[in-house]
PDB file of N, CA and C in Angstrom:
ATOM      1  N   MET A   1      11.134 -18.764   8.879  1.00  0.00           N
ATOM      2  CA  MET A   1      12.059 -18.146   7.675  1.00  0.00           C
ATOM      3  C   MET A   1      12.212 -16.614   8.621  1.00  0.00           C
ATOM      4  N   VAL A   2      14.039 -16.852   8.638  1.00  0.00           N
ATOM      5  CA  VAL A   2      14.994 -16.395   9.144  1.00  0.00           C
ATOM      6  C   VAL A   2      14.987 -14.565   9.291  1.00  0.00           C
ATOM      7  N   PHE A   3      15.046 -14.833   7.771  1.00  0.00           N
ATOM      8  CA  PHE A   3      15.377 -13.348   6.895  1.00  0.00           C
ATOM      9  C   PHE A   3      13.990 -12.587   6.742  1.00  0.00           C
ATOM     10  N   SER A   4      12.992 -12.922   6.987  1.00  0.00           N
ATOM     11  CA  SER A   4      11.689 -12.295   6.725  1.00  0.00           C
ATOM     12  C   SER A   4      11.803 -11.132   8.027  1.00  0.00           C
ATOM     13  N   LEU A   5      11.516  -9.931   7.876  1.00  0.00           N
ATOM     14  CA  LEU A   5      11.172  -8.752   8.497  1.00  0.00           C
ATOM     15  C   LEU A   5       9.841  -8.519   9.370  1.00  0.00           C
ATOM     16  N   PHE A   6       8.773  -9.225   8.679  1.00  0.00           N
ATOM     17  CA  PHE A   6       7.616  -8.797   9.035  1.00  0.00           C
ATOM     18  C   PHE A   6       7.083 -10.194   9.043  1.00  0.00           C
ATOM     19  N   ASN A   7       6.128 -10.810  10.460  1.00  0.00           N
ATOM     20  CA  ASN A   7       5.711 -12.177  10.206  1.00  0.00           C
ATOM     21  C   ASN A   7       4.323 -11.996   9.525  1.00  0.00           C
ATOM     22  N   LEU A   8       4.320 -13.104   8.421  1.00  0.00           N
ATOM     23  CA  LEU A   8       3.423 -12.945   7.317  1.00  0.00           C
ATOM     24  C   LEU A   8       2.515 -13.732   7.587  1.00  0.00           C
ATOM     25  N   ASN A   9       2.593 -14.689   8.718  1.00  0.00           N
ATOM     26  CA  ASN A   9       2.073 -15.424   9.231  1.00  0.00           C
ATOM     27  C   ASN A   9       0.508 -15.663  10.154  1.00  0.00           C
ATOM     28  N   HIS A  10       0.010 -15.198   9.114  1.00  0.00           N
ATOM     29  CA  HIS A  10      -1.386 -14.200   9.647  1.00  0.00           C
ATOM     30  C   HIS A  10      -2.191 -13.958   9.000  1.00  0.00           C
ATOM     31  N   PRO A  11      -3.487 -13.463   9.110  1.00  0.00           N
ATOM     32  CA  PRO A  11      -4.648 -13.608   7.936  1.00  0.00           C
ATOM     33  C   PRO A  11      -4.330 -12.339   7.755  1.00  0.00           C
ATOM     34  N   ALA A  12      -4.971 -12.133   6.480  1.00  0.00           N
ATOM     35  CA  ALA A  12      -4.765 -10.978   5.834  1.00  0.00           C
ATOM     36  C   ALA A  12      -6.119 -10.001   6.319  1.00  0.00           C
ATOM     37  N   HIS A  13      -5.910  -8.608   6.254  1.00  0.00           N
ATOM     38  CA  HIS A  13      -6.647  -7.719   7.411  1.00  0.00           C
ATOM     39  C   HIS A  13      -7.241  -6.882   5.982  1.00  0.00           C
ATOM     40  N   TYR A  14      -8.688  -6.536   5.885  1.00  0.00           N
ATOM     41  CA  TYR A  14      -9.530  -5.994   5.053  1.00  0.00           C
ATOM     42  C   TYR A  14     -10.427  -4.957   5.532  1.00  0.00           C
ATOM     43  N   ILE A  15     -10.370  -3.935   5.070  1.00  0.00           N
ATOM     44  CA  ILE A  15     -11.699  -3.060   5.430  1.00  0.00           C
ATOM     45  C   ILE A  15     -13.073  -3.338   4.607  1.00  0.00           C
ATOM     46  N   SER A  16     -13.672  -3.140   4.680  1.00  0.00           N
ATOM     47  CA  SER A  16     -15.034  -3.421   4.262  1.00  0.00           C
ATOM     48  C   SER A  16     -16.362  -2.350   4.438  1.00  0.00           C
ATOM     49  N   VAL A  17     -16.865  -2.185   3.338  1.00  0.00           N
ATOM     50  CA  VAL A  17     -17.828  -1.521   3.552  1.00  0.00           C
ATOM     51  C   VAL A  17     -18.781  -1.679   2.349  1.00  0.00           C
ATOM     52  N   GLY A  18     -20.277  -2.087   2.686  1.00  0.00           N
ATOM     53  CA  GLY A  18     -21.080  -2.505   1.894  1.00  0.00           C
ATOM     54  C   GLY A  18     -20.407  -3.636   1.549  1.00  0.00           C
ATOM     55  N   SER A  19     -20.546  -3.917   0.157  1.00  0.00           N
ATOM     56  CA  SER A  19     -19.864  -4.983  -0.644  1.00  0.00           C
ATOM     57  C   SER A  19     -18.508  -5.152  -1.346  1.00  0.00           C
ATOM     58  N   ILE A  20     -18.107  -3.986  -0.971  1.00  0.00           N
ATOM     59  CA  ILE A  20     -16.430  -3.673  -1.135  1.00  0.00           C
ATOM     60  C   ILE A  20     -15.605  -3.684  -0.312  1.00  0.00           C
ATOM     61  N   SER A  21     -14.467  -4.989  -0.467  1.00  0.00           N
ATOM     62  CA  SER A  21     -13.574  -4.932   1.222  1.00  0.00           C
ATOM     63  C   SER A  21     -12.298  -4.804  -0.242  1.00  0.00           C
ATOM     64  N   VAL A  22     -10.679  -4.109   0.635  1.00  0.00           N
ATOM     65  CA  VAL A  22      -9.653  -3.775   0.128  1.00  0.00           C
ATOM     66  C   VAL A  22      -9.061  -3.527   1.154  1.00  0.00           C
ATOM     67  N   SER A  23      -7.720  -3.789   1.163  1.00  0.00           N
ATOM     68  CA  SER A  23      -6.972  -4.168   2.039  1.00  0.00           C
ATOM     69  C   SER A  23      -6.588  -2.969   2.053  1.00  0.00           C
ATOM     70  N   PRO A  24      -5.840  -2.298   3.028  1.00  0.00           N
ATOM     71  CA  PRO A  24      -5.194  -1.029   3.747  1.00  0.00           C
ATOM     72  C   PRO A  24      -4.424  -0.794   2.765  1.00  0.00           C
ATOM     73  N   GLY A  25      -3.162  -1.791   1.987  1.00  0.00           N
ATOM     74  CA  GLY A  25      -2.303  -1.151   1.173  1.00  0.00           C
ATOM     75  C   GLY A  25      -2.861  -0.787   0.128  1.00  0.00           C
ATOM     76  N   ASN A  26      -3.940  -1.593  -0.707  1.00  0.00           N
ATOM     77  CA  ASN A  26      -4.362  -1.034  -1.946  1.00  0.00           C
ATOM     78  C   ASN A  26      -5.195   0.698  -1.374  1.00  0.00           C
ATOM     79  N   LEU A  27      -5.779   0.834  -0.370  1.00  0.00           N
ATOM     80  CA  LEU A  27      -6.609   1.690  -0.118  1.00  0.00           C
ATOM     81  C   LEU A  27      -6.011   3.069  -0.516  1.00  0.00           C
ATOM     82  N   VAL A  28      -4.777   2.977   0.424  1.00  0.00           N
ATOM     83  CA  VAL A  28      -3.638   3.905   0.174  1.00  0.00           C
ATOM     84  C   VAL A  28      -3.167   4.455  -0.977  1.00  0.00           C
ATOM     85  N   MET A  29      -2.884   3.526  -1.502  1.00  0.00           N
ATOM     86  CA  MET A  29      -2.691   3.487  -3.047  1.00  0.00           C
ATOM     87  C   MET A  29      -3.687   3.931  -3.930  1.00  0.00           C
ATOM     88  N   VAL A  30      -4.804   4.329  -3.410  1.00  0.00           N
ATOM     89  CA  VAL A  30      -5.763   4.141  -4.557  1.00  0.00           C
ATOM     90  C   VAL A  30      -6.062   5.856  -4.242  1.00  0.00           C
ATOM     91  N   VAL A  31      -6.059   6.356  -2.935  1.00  0.00           N
ATOM     92  CA  VAL A  31      -6.309   7.471  -2.278  1.00  0.00           C
ATOM     93  C   VAL A  31      -5.175   8.336  -2.967  1.00  0.00           C
ATOM     94  N   MET A  32      -4.214   7.904  -3.116  1.00  0.00           N
ATOM     95  CA  MET A  32      -3.119   8.891  -3.741  1.00  0.00           C
ATOM     96  C   MET A  32      -3.396   8.533  -5.538  1.00  0.00           C
ATOM     97  N   ALA A  33      -3.609   7.746  -5.556  1.00  0.00           N
ATOM     98  CA  ALA A  33      -3.774   8.247  -7.251  1.00  0.00           C
ATOM     99  C   ALA A  33      -4.981   9.375  -7.426  1.00  0.00           C
ATOM    100  N   PHE A  34      -6.159   9.231  -6.423  1.00  0.00           N
ATOM    101  CA  PHE A  34      -6.600  10.374  -6.654  1.00  0.00           C
ATOM    102  C   PHE A  34      -6.243  11.690  -6.236  1.00  0.00           C
ATOM    103  N   VAL A  35      -5.546  11.503  -5.264  1.00  0.00           N
ATOM    104  CA  VAL A  35      -4.933  12.987  -5.173  1.00  0.00           C
ATOM    105  C   VAL A  35      -4.304  13.501  -5.980  1.00  0.00           C
ATOM    106  N   LEU A  36      -3.478  12.766  -6.735  1.00  0.00           N
ATOM    107  CA  LEU A  36      -2.419  12.889  -8.047  1.00  0.00           C
ATOM    108  C   LEU A  36      -3.064  13.789  -8.958  1.00  0.00           C
ATOM    109  N   PHE A  37      -4.665  12.216  -9.444  1.00  0.00           N
ATOM    110  CA  PHE A  37      -5.137  13.186 -10.083  1.00  0.00           C
ATOM    111  C   PHE A  37      -6.139  14.134 -10.586  1.00  0.00           C
ATOM    112  N   GLY A  38      -6.343  14.702  -9.163  1.00  0.00           N
ATOM    113  CA  GLY A  38      -6.640  15.622  -8.539  1.00  0.00           C
ATOM    114  C   GLY A  38      -5.614  17.018  -8.926  1.00  0.00           C
ATOM    115  N   LEU A  39      -4.523  17.130  -8.393  1.00  0.00           N
ATOM    116  CA  LEU A  39      -3.895  18.046  -7.871  1.00  0.00           C
ATOM    117  C   LEU A  39      -2.997  18.230  -9.527  1.00  0.00           C
ATOM    118  N   ALA A  40      -2.746  16.870 -10.749  1.00  0.00           N
ATOM    119  CA  ALA A  40      -2.897  17.360 -12.118  1.00  0.00           C
ATOM    120  C   ALA A  40      -3.855  17.998 -12.752  1.00  0.00           C
ATOM    121  N   LEU A  41      -5.105  18.238 -12.367  1.00  0.00           N
ATOM    122  CA  LEU A  41      -5.925  19.269 -13.353  1.00  0.00           C
ATOM    123  C   LEU A  41      -6.025  20.446 -12.438  1.00  0.00           C
ATOM    124  N   THR A  42      -5.658  20.632 -11.144  1.00  0.00           N
ATOM    125  CA  THR A  42      -5.862  21.830 -10.553  1.00  0.00           C
ATOM    126  C   THR A  42      -4.600  22.467 -11.134  1.00  0.00           C
ATOM    127  N   LEU A  43      -3.083  22.307 -10.591  1.00  0.00           N
ATOM    128  CA  LEU A  43      -2.287  22.712 -10.665  1.00  0.00           C
ATOM    129  C   LEU A  43      -2.023  23.191 -12.453  1.00  0.00           C
ATOM    130  N   PRO A  44      -1.545  24.749 -12.307  1.00  0.00           N
ATOM    131  CA  PRO A  44      -1.002  24.774 -13.801  1.00  0.00           C
ATOM    132  C   PRO A  44       0.336  24.313 -14.227  1.00  0.00           C
ATOM    133  N   PHE A  45       0.423  24.251 -15.295  1.00  0.00           N
ATOM    134  CA  PHE A  45       1.626  23.602 -16.185  1.00  0.00           C
ATOM    135  C   PHE A  45       2.884  24.438 -15.770  1.00  0.00           C
ATOM    136  N   PRO A  46       4.170  24.088 -15.547  1.00  0.00           N
ATOM    137  CA  PRO A  46       5.469  24.690 -14.832  1.00  0.00           C
ATOM    138  C   PRO A  46       5.430  25.455 -16.486  1.00  0.00           C
ATOM    139  N   GLY A  47       5.632  27.231 -15.978  1.00  0.00           N
ATOM    140  CA  GLY A  47       6.357  27.873 -16.685  1.00  0.00           C
ATOM    141  C   GLY A  47       5.514  28.604 -17.664  1.00  0.00           C
ATOM    142  N   HIS A  48       3.954  28.085 -16.996  1.00  0.00           N
ATOM    143  CA  HIS A  48       2.898  28.765 -18.271  1.00  0.00           C
ATOM    144  C   HIS A  48       2.600  30.030 -17.265  1.00  0.00           C
ATOM    145  N   LYS A  49       2.443  31.599 -18.154  1.00  0.00           N
ATOM    146  CA  LYS A  49       1.940  32.647 -17.531  1.00  0.00           C
ATOM    147  C   LYS A  49       1.087  32.812 -18.810  1.00  0.00           C
ATOM    148  N   SER A  50       0.283  33.657 -18.242  1.00  0.00           N
ATOM    149  CA  SER A  50      -1.020  34.349 -19.049  1.00  0.00           C
ATOM    150  C   SER A  50      -0.858  35.657 -19.219  1.00  0.00           C
ATOM    151  N   ASP A  51      -0.954  36.592 -20.161  1.00  0.00           N
ATOM    152  CA  ASP A  51      -1.233  38.422 -20.353  1.00  0.00           C
ATOM    153  C   ASP A  51      -2.233  38.504 -19.335  1.00  0.00           C
ATOM    154  N   LYS A  52      -2.378  40.185 -19.039  1.00  0.00           N
ATOM    155  CA  LYS A  52      -3.689  40.728 -18.880  1.00  0.00           C
ATOM    156  C   LYS A  52      -4.827  40.127 -19.553  1.00  0.00           C
ATOM    157  N   ASN A  53      -4.948  40.521 -20.382  1.00  0.00           N
ATOM    158  CA  ASN A  53      -5.960  39.695 -21.420  1.00  0.00           C
ATOM    159  C   ASN A  53      -6.131  38.343 -21.160  1.00  0.00           C
ATOM    160  N   GLY A  54      -5.645  37.267 -20.513  1.00  0.00           N
ATOM    161  CA  GLY A  54      -6.089  36.413 -20.408  1.00  0.00           C
ATOM    162  C   GLY A  54      -5.418  35.211 -21.838  1.00  0.00           C
ATOM    163  N   LYS A  55      -4.508  35.648 -22.495  1.00  0.00           N
ATOM    164  CA  LYS A  55      -4.254  35.162 -23.784  1.00  0.00           C
ATOM    165  C   LYS A  55      -2.518  34.504 -23.373  1.00  0.00           C
ATOM    166  N   GLU A  56      -2.298  33.791 -24.163  1.00  0.00           N
ATOM    167  CA  GLU A  56      -0.883  33.193 -23.901  1.00  0.00           C
ATOM    168  C   GLU A  56       0.252  34.029 -24.276  1.00  0.00           C
TER     169      GLU A  56
END
């Protein structure tokens, strides 16, 4: 393959912990999903302001 940027002619790499094995690329995506989900739960909505009494 002349046009390939990466050599894909090798065995895949996996990270194994117990009975769970995941590829490094998928592990990065899962961690990013958890981080984004955590941020979505903790960050306030844009433009959301409350009064001094805690009411909108």
